[in-house]
Amino acid sequence: MPASERPGSPAEILTPSALNQMVRDLLEDALPQVWIEGELSNVARPASGHLYFTLKDAQAQIRCAMFKPKSTWLKFRPEAGMHVLLRARVGLYAPRGDYQLIVEHMEEAGEGALRRAFEELKARLEAEGLFATARKRALPRFPRRIGVITSASGAAIRDVLSVMQRRFPLACVDVLPVPVQGKEAPPAIVAMLGKASASGRYDVLLLTRGGGSLEDLWAFNDEAVARAIHASAVPVVSAVGHEVDFSISDFVADLRAATPSAAAELLVPERSDLLRQLARHREHLRTRATRTLETAVQRLDHILSRLQAQHPRARLLQGSDRLAALRTRLTHVAQNVLREADGAMHQARLRLLAEHPRARVDALGHTLEDRQRRLEAAISLQLERKQRRTAELRRALHGVSPLATLDRGYAIMFDDQGRTVRSVQGVVPDAILEARLSDGTLHLRHIPK
């Protein structure tokens, strides 16, 4: 810069810190607090507990910081990709000279908030036992009257009626119309569930609607609807949305179906399956009747055989055969007894020989020799260990002995009282001292300078 363009005095020259302070003051005065919505990215939570992230949209991004303890009060875990709503003030990060948002409050925006409310209600109702498997009731196998609680003009009711007419036309289906979307839907659904349950007309109730966004399906995540399903006197099937959609109604209901059509298939049997089952039952009855007749004939033949076997001539022949069999068996038993006795005598002879005094003396002699060898080896090993230990202790003792220090040219001084002299400060003039060296002692007199 030319000399003519420089400030007139050093006081007019700003430092980076001073300029940053001016910018910070301007930002905080102009924008004391703002609400801002955007998408999270670069989320970091260091060990300090603070939260650092970037808030962005399609055209821009802003660095943000949420300091402890406010970062620990969040009811959800911030992650990259979440859409959030912030309340923050604008500040300046002096080390980099960048402006940033100091976040005071954060909440999920749009569908994220609904998802968090969904998870909170789900956890609370599950803790109360509304989702317990033990309380879920079985569906009737052949329902005579079914109440379908849904929109009268939606695609869901057309799918349900079509499937039930095709599978089981004997069932009576009543459409119980209610709004399935918007603020008026939950109270209408609760009222219809209570009315249908109290009527006693229905064997089972179906609560259903077609697919949609989480906001579209929100009426089925209402706590009052969940409690009305739980209080129903008849089983309730929930089929809300598509296969990937789950609602609180699905968890409370006695059965959850992936789609309205799937619910209709679960509620009523297949007509063709019933016809095949009837055919199988008919064939089974025919087979059982045939087997019963055959069993009766076989039983009559058996009785006739028993009567013939009880004839006196037949009984005499049976007695003679039994006597011959017993004679043969007795002969085999006697031979086995003799063989077992010979074996027992042989084993006794072997035991007597094994217990002979000479054999025991020989065995004890071998044991004594073995133990004497082991004792001598143990004494030798113990003696060798003691000798090594003594040598080690001798070396260690010599290393710490004052005499070893004297061998290196040092001396120990004693006064006439036999006390060790550690400093000249404690020695009086003309005091008689004794210097102990490695090979003897010297008698000295202290002559001060």
Protein backbone atom coordinates (compact mmCIF):
# COMPACT_ATOMS: atom_id res chain seq x y z
CA MET A 1 0.00 0.00 0.00
CA PRO A 2 1.39 3.44 -0.85
CA ALA A 3 2.35 5.55 2.12
CA SER A 4 -0.30 8.12 1.23
CA GLU A 5 -3.09 5.49 1.50
CA ARG A 6 -2.08 4.05 4.87
CA PRO A 7 -4.01 4.98 8.06
CA GLY A 8 -2.85 8.10 9.79
CA SER A 9 -2.10 6.38 13.12
CA PRO A 10 -1.44 2.79 14.38
CA ALA A 11 -4.70 2.91 16.34
CA GLU A 12 -6.69 2.76 13.07
CA ILE A 13 -5.09 -0.56 11.99
CA LEU A 14 -7.33 -3.60 12.88
CA THR A 15 -6.14 -7.06 13.87
CA PRO A 16 -7.93 -10.23 12.62
CA SER A 17 -9.28 -10.78 16.16
CA ALA A 18 -10.71 -7.27 16.34
CA LEU A 19 -12.26 -7.59 12.89
CA ASN A 20 -13.81 -10.97 13.83
CA GLN A 21 -15.29 -9.39 16.96
CA MET A 22 -16.86 -6.64 14.88
CA VAL A 23 -18.34 -9.19 12.46
CA ARG A 24 -19.64 -11.31 15.38
CA ASP A 25 -21.31 -8.27 16.93
CA LEU A 26 -22.94 -7.35 13.61
CA LEU A 27 -24.24 -10.90 13.04
CA GLU A 28 -25.61 -11.33 16.56
CA ASP A 29 -27.30 -7.92 16.50
CA ALA A 30 -28.85 -8.42 13.05
CA LEU A 31 -29.93 -12.06 13.55
CA PRO A 32 -30.41 -12.74 17.28
CA GLN A 33 -32.33 -16.01 16.72
CA VAL A 34 -33.64 -17.85 13.65
CA TRP A 35 -35.66 -20.97 12.78
CA ILE A 36 -34.13 -22.97 9.93
CA GLU A 37 -35.01 -26.28 8.26
CA GLY A 38 -32.73 -28.55 6.25
CA GLU A 39 -30.95 -31.90 5.91
CA LEU A 40 -28.21 -33.14 8.28
CA SER A 41 -24.79 -34.17 7.01
CA ASN A 42 -21.27 -34.66 8.43
CA VAL A 43 -22.74 -35.41 11.90
CA ALA A 44 -20.00 -35.77 14.56
CA ARG A 45 -20.29 -36.28 18.33
CA PRO A 46 -16.80 -36.21 19.96
CA ALA A 47 -16.05 -37.36 23.50
CA SER A 48 -16.84 -33.88 24.83
CA GLY A 49 -20.56 -34.53 24.20
CA HIS A 50 -20.97 -31.54 21.85
CA LEU A 51 -22.68 -32.09 18.49
CA TYR A 52 -21.23 -30.76 15.24
CA PHE A 53 -22.90 -31.09 11.84
CA THR A 54 -23.71 -29.39 8.56
CA LEU A 55 -27.24 -28.27 7.61
CA LYS A 56 -27.81 -28.19 3.87
CA ASP A 57 -30.35 -27.94 1.08
CA ALA A 58 -29.94 -28.21 -2.68
CA GLN A 59 -28.07 -24.87 -3.05
CA ALA A 60 -26.18 -24.19 0.19
CA GLN A 61 -24.87 -25.51 3.48
CA ILE A 62 -24.11 -24.07 6.93
CA ARG A 63 -21.87 -25.41 9.69
CA CYS A 64 -23.65 -25.88 13.02
CA ALA A 65 -22.71 -26.64 16.63
CA MET A 66 -24.95 -27.80 19.47
CA PHE A 67 -23.15 -27.71 22.78
CA LYS A 68 -23.61 -29.83 25.88
CA PRO A 69 -25.96 -30.14 27.78
CA LYS A 70 -28.48 -29.16 25.08
CA SER A 71 -27.06 -31.90 22.82
CA THR A 72 -27.86 -34.52 25.51
CA TRP A 73 -31.51 -33.43 25.82
CA LEU A 74 -32.44 -34.55 22.30
CA LYS A 75 -35.22 -37.16 22.10
CA PHE A 76 -33.73 -38.72 18.95
CA ARG A 77 -30.26 -39.54 17.61
CA PRO A 78 -29.29 -37.15 14.79
CA GLU A 79 -27.96 -38.97 11.73
CA ALA A 80 -26.90 -37.93 8.27
CA GLY A 81 -29.85 -37.59 5.89
CA MET A 82 -32.41 -36.61 8.54
CA HIS A 83 -34.65 -33.62 7.84
CA VAL A 84 -34.69 -31.37 10.94
CA LEU A 85 -36.01 -28.03 12.20
CA LEU A 86 -33.57 -25.90 14.26
CA ARG A 87 -33.80 -22.86 16.51
CA ALA A 88 -30.40 -21.20 16.52
CA ARG A 89 -28.47 -17.97 16.68
CA VAL A 90 -25.82 -16.90 14.18
CA GLY A 91 -22.25 -16.73 15.47
CA LEU A 92 -18.68 -16.51 14.19
CA TYR A 93 -16.03 -19.19 14.67
CA ALA A 94 -12.95 -16.97 15.05
CA PRO A 95 -10.15 -19.57 14.45
CA ARG A 96 -11.41 -20.15 10.88
CA GLY A 97 -13.20 -16.85 10.31
CA ASP A 98 -16.38 -18.79 9.36
CA TYR A 99 -19.89 -17.99 10.49
CA GLN A 100 -21.90 -20.84 12.00
CA LEU A 101 -25.18 -21.59 13.75
CA ILE A 102 -25.21 -22.14 17.53
CA VAL A 103 -28.17 -24.52 17.89
CA GLU A 104 -30.45 -24.15 20.93
CA HIS A 105 -33.20 -26.60 19.90
CA MET A 106 -33.56 -29.39 17.32
CA GLU A 107 -36.54 -31.51 16.28
CA GLU A 108 -37.33 -33.82 13.40
CA ALA A 109 -39.24 -32.20 10.57
CA GLY A 110 -42.04 -33.66 8.44
CA GLU A 111 -42.22 -37.46 8.34
CA GLY A 112 -39.31 -37.81 10.78
CA ALA A 113 -41.40 -36.24 13.56
CA LEU A 114 -44.26 -38.57 12.78
CA ARG A 115 -41.89 -41.53 12.85
CA ARG A 116 -40.57 -40.48 16.27
CA ALA A 117 -44.12 -40.08 17.63
CA PHE A 118 -44.90 -43.52 16.19
CA GLU A 119 -41.93 -45.12 17.99
CA GLU A 120 -42.74 -43.40 21.29
CA LEU A 121 -46.39 -44.56 21.24
CA LYS A 122 -45.35 -48.05 20.17
CA ALA A 123 -42.89 -48.35 23.06
CA ARG A 124 -45.45 -47.08 25.60
CA LEU A 125 -48.26 -49.40 24.45
CA GLU A 126 -45.90 -52.36 24.26
CA ALA A 127 -44.81 -51.68 27.85
CA GLU A 128 -48.48 -51.73 28.87
CA GLY A 129 -48.89 -55.19 27.28
CA LEU A 130 -51.21 -54.23 24.40
CA PHE A 131 -48.98 -56.10 21.93
CA ALA A 132 -48.59 -59.25 24.05
CA THR A 133 -48.92 -62.47 22.07
CA ALA A 134 -50.71 -64.16 24.98
CA ARG A 135 -53.75 -61.85 24.64
CA LYS A 136 -54.19 -62.33 20.88
CA ARG A 137 -57.25 -64.44 19.95
CA ALA A 138 -57.56 -67.06 17.26
CA LEU A 139 -59.76 -66.27 14.27
CA PRO A 140 -62.89 -68.36 13.63
CA ARG A 141 -62.23 -71.00 10.98
CA PHE A 142 -65.57 -70.53 9.24
CA PRO A 143 -66.84 -66.99 10.01
CA ARG A 144 -70.53 -66.50 9.27
CA ARG A 145 -70.58 -62.67 9.40
CA ILE A 146 -67.61 -60.33 8.94
CA GLY A 147 -67.56 -56.56 9.59
CA VAL A 148 -65.18 -54.58 7.38
CA ILE A 149 -64.34 -51.14 8.83
CA THR A 150 -62.97 -49.03 5.97
CA SER A 151 -63.79 -46.35 3.43
CA ALA A 152 -66.85 -47.28 1.39
CA SER A 153 -65.32 -45.84 -1.80
CA GLY A 154 -61.70 -47.01 -1.51
CA ALA A 155 -59.94 -49.70 -3.51
CA ALA A 156 -59.40 -51.74 -0.34
CA ILE A 157 -63.08 -52.67 0.08
CA ARG A 158 -63.36 -53.72 -3.56
CA ASP A 159 -60.35 -56.03 -3.18
CA VAL A 160 -61.73 -57.51 0.05
CA LEU A 161 -65.22 -58.17 -1.35
CA SER A 162 -63.80 -59.66 -4.55
CA VAL A 163 -61.52 -62.09 -2.71
CA MET A 164 -64.18 -63.16 -0.19
CA GLN A 165 -66.82 -63.73 -2.91
CA ARG A 166 -64.39 -65.86 -4.86
CA ARG A 167 -63.07 -67.86 -1.89
CA PHE A 168 -66.07 -68.29 0.44
CA PRO A 169 -69.40 -66.90 -0.75
CA LEU A 170 -71.19 -68.40 2.27
CA ALA A 171 -69.83 -65.65 4.55
CA CYS A 172 -71.92 -62.47 5.00
CA VAL A 173 -69.80 -59.31 4.72
CA ASP A 174 -71.02 -55.97 6.13
CA VAL A 175 -69.22 -52.80 5.04
CA LEU A 176 -68.96 -50.42 8.03
CA PRO A 177 -67.94 -47.11 6.40
CA VAL A 178 -65.59 -44.67 8.13
CA PRO A 179 -63.14 -42.00 6.96
CA VAL A 180 -59.64 -43.47 6.88
CA GLN A 181 -57.62 -40.26 6.57
CA GLY A 182 -57.60 -36.86 8.25
CA LYS A 183 -58.46 -35.56 11.72
CA GLU A 184 -62.01 -36.93 11.66
CA ALA A 185 -60.84 -40.49 10.96
CA PRO A 186 -59.64 -41.63 14.45
CA PRO A 187 -62.84 -40.77 16.39
CA ALA A 188 -64.98 -42.28 13.62
CA ILE A 189 -62.95 -45.52 13.66
CA VAL A 190 -63.11 -45.70 17.47
CA ALA A 191 -66.89 -45.21 17.44
CA MET A 192 -67.42 -47.85 14.73
CA LEU A 193 -65.20 -50.39 16.54
CA GLY A 194 -67.17 -49.91 19.74
CA LYS A 195 -70.52 -50.15 17.97
CA ALA A 196 -69.59 -53.28 15.97
CA SER A 197 -68.09 -54.98 19.03
CA ALA A 198 -71.14 -54.29 21.18
CA SER A 199 -73.64 -55.42 18.52
CA GLY A 200 -72.77 -59.11 18.84
CA ARG A 201 -73.45 -59.55 15.10
CA TYR A 202 -69.91 -60.28 13.94
CA ASP A 203 -67.57 -63.20 14.34
CA VAL A 204 -64.55 -61.08 13.35
CA LEU A 205 -63.80 -57.46 12.35
CA LEU A 206 -61.43 -56.28 9.61
CA LEU A 207 -59.89 -52.80 9.89
CA THR A 208 -58.31 -51.88 6.57
CA ARG A 209 -57.35 -49.27 3.99
CA GLY A 210 -55.02 -49.03 0.97
CA GLY A 211 -51.47 -47.74 0.83
CA GLY A 212 -50.19 -44.20 1.27
CA SER A 213 -47.57 -42.09 3.01
CA LEU A 214 -46.98 -42.21 6.75
CA GLU A 215 -49.10 -39.09 7.12
CA ASP A 216 -51.91 -40.68 5.06
CA LEU A 217 -51.91 -43.75 7.35
CA TRP A 218 -51.61 -41.74 10.58
CA ALA A 219 -55.22 -42.39 11.68
CA PHE A 220 -54.22 -46.02 12.31
CA ASN A 221 -51.36 -44.87 14.59
CA ASP A 222 -53.78 -43.09 16.93
CA GLU A 223 -53.71 -44.16 20.60
CA ALA A 224 -57.52 -44.10 20.91
CA VAL A 225 -57.83 -46.42 17.90
CA ALA A 226 -55.27 -48.80 19.41
CA ARG A 227 -57.13 -48.95 22.71
CA ALA A 228 -60.46 -49.49 20.93
CA ILE A 229 -58.95 -52.49 19.09
CA HIS A 230 -57.62 -53.82 22.39
CA ALA A 231 -61.07 -53.43 24.02
CA SER A 232 -62.97 -55.15 21.19
CA ALA A 233 -65.03 -58.17 22.27
CA VAL A 234 -64.41 -59.97 18.96
CA PRO A 235 -61.11 -60.65 17.15
CA VAL A 236 -59.79 -57.80 14.99
CA VAL A 237 -57.63 -58.17 11.87
CA SER A 238 -55.60 -55.13 10.76
CA ALA A 239 -54.55 -54.67 7.11
CA VAL A 240 -53.26 -51.12 6.61
CA GLY A 241 -51.28 -50.10 3.54
CA HIS A 242 -48.81 -52.32 1.73
CA GLU A 243 -46.47 -55.07 2.91
CA VAL A 244 -43.76 -52.60 4.02
CA ASP A 245 -46.21 -50.44 6.02
CA PHE A 246 -46.61 -51.10 9.74
CA SER A 247 -49.05 -49.26 11.97
CA ILE A 248 -49.88 -49.32 15.68
CA SER A 249 -53.17 -51.00 14.72
CA ASP A 250 -51.18 -53.89 13.23
CA PHE A 251 -49.37 -54.51 16.52
CA VAL A 252 -52.50 -54.32 18.71
CA ALA A 253 -54.77 -56.37 16.45
CA ASP A 254 -55.18 -60.11 16.90
CA LEU A 255 -53.69 -60.62 13.43
CA ARG A 256 -51.84 -58.37 11.00
CA ALA A 257 -52.19 -58.86 7.23
CA ALA A 258 -49.80 -57.37 4.70
CA THR A 259 -52.55 -56.06 2.37
CA PRO A 260 -56.37 -55.92 2.30
CA SER A 261 -56.43 -58.84 -0.18
CA ALA A 262 -54.15 -60.88 2.07
CA ALA A 263 -56.48 -60.15 5.00
CA ALA A 264 -59.47 -61.47 3.05
CA GLU A 265 -57.53 -64.66 2.27
CA LEU A 266 -56.67 -65.10 5.96
CA LEU A 267 -60.26 -64.53 7.11
CA VAL A 268 -62.09 -67.06 4.93
CA PRO A 269 -61.13 -70.49 3.61
CA GLU A 270 -60.67 -71.28 -0.07
CA ARG A 271 -63.77 -72.88 -1.64
CA SER A 272 -61.75 -75.26 -3.80
CA ASP A 273 -59.72 -76.34 -0.73
CA LEU A 274 -62.97 -77.11 1.12
CA LEU A 275 -64.28 -79.16 -1.79
CA ARG A 276 -61.05 -81.14 -1.93
CA GLN A 277 -61.21 -81.61 1.83
CA LEU A 278 -64.80 -82.93 1.59
CA ALA A 279 -63.69 -85.35 -1.12
CA ARG A 280 -60.86 -86.56 1.11
CA HIS A 281 -63.25 -87.01 4.04
CA ARG A 282 -65.64 -89.00 1.83
CA GLU A 283 -62.80 -91.26 0.68
CA HIS A 284 -61.59 -91.57 4.25
CA LEU A 285 -65.06 -92.70 5.45
CA ARG A 286 -65.28 -95.24 2.64
CA THR A 287 -61.82 -96.59 3.53
CA ARG A 288 -62.68 -96.80 7.23
CA ALA A 289 -65.91 -98.67 6.53
CA THR A 290 -64.03 -101.21 4.38
CA ARG A 291 -61.36 -101.67 7.05
CA THR A 292 -63.99 -102.13 9.76
CA LEU A 293 -65.63 -104.97 7.77
CA GLU A 294 -62.24 -106.60 7.15
CA THR A 295 -61.36 -106.34 10.85
CA ALA A 296 -64.65 -108.01 11.81
CA VAL A 297 -64.00 -110.92 9.40
CA GLN A 298 -60.46 -111.34 10.77
CA ARG A 299 -61.80 -111.35 14.31
CA LEU A 300 -64.28 -114.13 13.47
CA ASP A 301 -61.49 -116.20 11.91
CA HIS A 302 -59.38 -115.71 15.04
CA ILE A 303 -62.20 -116.88 17.31
CA LEU A 304 -62.63 -119.99 15.16
CA SER A 305 -58.90 -120.74 15.42
CA ARG A 306 -59.02 -120.38 19.20
CA LEU A 307 -61.95 -122.81 19.43
CA GLN A 308 -60.06 -125.37 17.38
CA ALA A 309 -56.96 -124.90 19.53
CA GLN A 310 -58.95 -125.71 22.70
CA HIS A 311 -59.85 -129.26 21.44
CA PRO A 312 -58.58 -132.01 23.94
CA ARG A 313 -56.39 -133.70 21.31
CA ALA A 314 -54.75 -130.40 20.44
CA ARG A 315 -54.12 -129.65 24.10
CA LEU A 316 -52.45 -133.06 24.67
CA LEU A 317 -50.14 -132.45 21.71
CA GLN A 318 -49.25 -129.02 23.06
CA GLY A 319 -48.44 -130.52 26.52
CA SER A 320 -46.16 -133.14 24.99
CA ASP A 321 -44.26 -130.55 22.96
CA ARG A 322 -43.87 -128.34 26.04
CA LEU A 323 -42.50 -131.25 28.12
CA ALA A 324 -39.85 -132.00 25.48
CA ALA A 325 -38.85 -128.34 25.35
CA LEU A 326 -38.51 -128.18 29.16
CA ARG A 327 -36.33 -131.33 29.19
CA THR A 328 -33.98 -129.81 26.61
CA ARG A 329 -33.84 -126.51 28.51
CA LEU A 330 -33.02 -128.31 31.80
CA THR A 331 -30.08 -130.09 30.14
CA HIS A 332 -28.69 -126.77 28.85
CA VAL A 333 -29.07 -125.14 32.28
CA ALA A 334 -27.16 -127.95 34.03
CA GLN A 335 -24.30 -127.71 31.54
CA ASN A 336 -24.10 -123.94 32.00
CA VAL A 337 -23.97 -124.33 35.81
CA LEU A 338 -21.04 -126.75 35.57
CA ARG A 339 -19.14 -124.45 33.18
CA GLU A 340 -19.66 -121.46 35.49
CA ALA A 341 -18.44 -123.48 38.53
CA ASP A 342 -15.23 -124.53 36.68
CA GLY A 343 -14.61 -120.91 35.70
CA ALA A 344 -15.10 -119.70 39.28
CA MET A 345 -12.62 -122.30 40.62
CA HIS A 346 -10.03 -121.23 38.04
CA GLN A 347 -10.40 -117.56 38.96
CA ALA A 348 -10.08 -118.41 42.67
CA ARG A 349 -6.84 -120.33 41.99
CA LEU A 350 -5.39 -117.36 40.13
CA ARG A 351 -6.31 -114.99 42.98
CA LEU A 352 -4.66 -117.31 45.55
CA LEU A 353 -1.45 -117.36 43.51
CA ALA A 354 -1.50 -113.56 43.20
CA GLU A 355 -1.93 -113.23 47.02
CA HIS A 356 0.98 -115.63 47.88
CA PRO A 357 3.44 -114.06 50.46
CA ARG A 358 6.42 -114.51 48.15
CA ALA A 359 4.72 -112.55 45.38
CA ARG A 360 3.81 -109.74 47.81
CA VAL A 361 7.39 -109.62 49.22
CA ASP A 362 8.80 -109.33 45.67
CA ALA A 363 6.35 -106.59 44.78
CA LEU A 364 7.13 -104.64 47.99
CA GLY A 365 10.86 -105.02 47.32
CA HIS A 366 10.51 -103.49 43.87
CA THR A 367 8.43 -100.67 45.35
CA LEU A 368 11.07 -100.00 48.04
CA GLU A 369 13.88 -99.87 45.47
CA ASP A 370 11.91 -97.48 43.29
CA ARG A 371 11.11 -95.16 46.21
CA GLN A 372 14.78 -95.23 47.38
CA ARG A 373 15.92 -94.13 43.89
CA ARG A 374 13.32 -91.35 43.83
CA LEU A 375 14.37 -90.19 47.36
CA GLU A 376 18.05 -90.05 46.42
CA ALA A 377 17.23 -88.10 43.27
CA ALA A 378 15.04 -85.67 45.23
CA ILE A 379 17.80 -85.14 47.87
CA SER A 380 20.37 -84.47 45.15
CA LEU A 381 18.05 -82.03 43.38
CA GLN A 382 17.20 -80.21 46.63
CA LEU A 383 20.91 -80.01 47.61
CA GLU A 384 21.79 -78.57 44.21
CA ARG A 385 19.02 -75.96 44.52
CA LYS A 386 20.21 -74.95 48.02
CA GLN A 387 23.79 -74.60 46.77
CA ARG A 388 22.69 -72.38 43.88
CA ARG A 389 20.59 -70.28 46.26
CA THR A 390 23.52 -69.93 48.70
CA ALA A 391 25.80 -68.74 45.87
CA GLU A 392 23.19 -66.24 44.73
CA LEU A 393 22.74 -64.89 48.28
CA ARG A 394 26.54 -64.65 48.74
CA ARG A 395 26.85 -62.60 45.55
CA ALA A 396 23.93 -60.38 46.53
CA LEU A 397 25.32 -59.87 50.06
CA HIS A 398 28.74 -59.00 48.73
CA GLY A 399 27.17 -56.47 46.33
CA VAL A 400 25.56 -54.52 49.19
CA SER A 401 28.39 -55.02 51.77
CA PRO A 402 30.24 -51.89 52.95
CA LEU A 403 33.49 -53.86 52.60
CA ALA A 404 32.94 -54.10 48.86
CA THR A 405 32.73 -50.30 48.77
CA LEU A 406 36.00 -50.06 50.76
CA ASP A 407 37.73 -52.23 48.15
CA ARG A 408 37.15 -49.45 45.62
CA GLY A 409 39.22 -46.92 47.71
CA TYR A 410 36.60 -45.52 50.05
CA ALA A 411 36.86 -45.30 53.88
CA ILE A 412 34.39 -45.09 56.78
CA MET A 413 35.11 -42.48 59.46
CA PHE A 414 34.21 -43.01 63.15
CA ASP A 415 34.57 -40.57 66.09
CA ASP A 416 35.89 -41.55 69.52
CA GLN A 417 32.35 -42.64 70.46
CA GLY A 418 32.22 -45.15 67.55
CA ARG A 419 29.64 -43.08 65.63
CA THR A 420 29.85 -42.67 61.89
CA VAL A 421 31.11 -39.26 60.79
CA ARG A 422 28.95 -37.99 57.90
CA SER A 423 30.05 -34.29 57.78
CA VAL A 424 32.97 -32.13 58.93
CA GLN A 425 30.43 -29.84 60.58
CA GLY A 426 30.04 -32.26 63.46
CA VAL A 427 33.78 -32.76 64.19
CA VAL A 428 35.52 -30.55 66.78
CA PRO A 429 39.14 -29.48 66.30
CA ASP A 430 41.84 -31.96 67.46
CA ALA A 431 39.23 -34.74 67.61
CA ILE A 432 40.62 -38.26 67.36
CA LEU A 433 39.07 -40.11 64.41
CA GLU A 434 39.31 -43.67 63.10
CA ALA A 435 39.32 -44.38 59.34
CA ARG A 436 38.37 -47.95 58.42
CA LEU A 437 39.83 -49.12 55.09
CA SER A 438 39.46 -52.45 53.32
CA ASP A 439 42.68 -53.88 54.87
CA GLY A 440 42.77 -52.15 58.27
CA THR A 441 42.23 -48.91 60.21
CA LEU A 442 44.02 -45.56 60.57
CA HIS A 443 43.90 -43.25 63.61
CA LEU A 444 43.68 -39.59 62.63
CA ARG A 445 43.47 -36.14 64.28
CA HIS A 446 41.28 -33.42 62.88
CA ILE A 447 43.32 -30.26 62.25
CA PRO A 448 41.08 -27.49 60.88
CA LYS A 449 42.44 -25.13 58.23
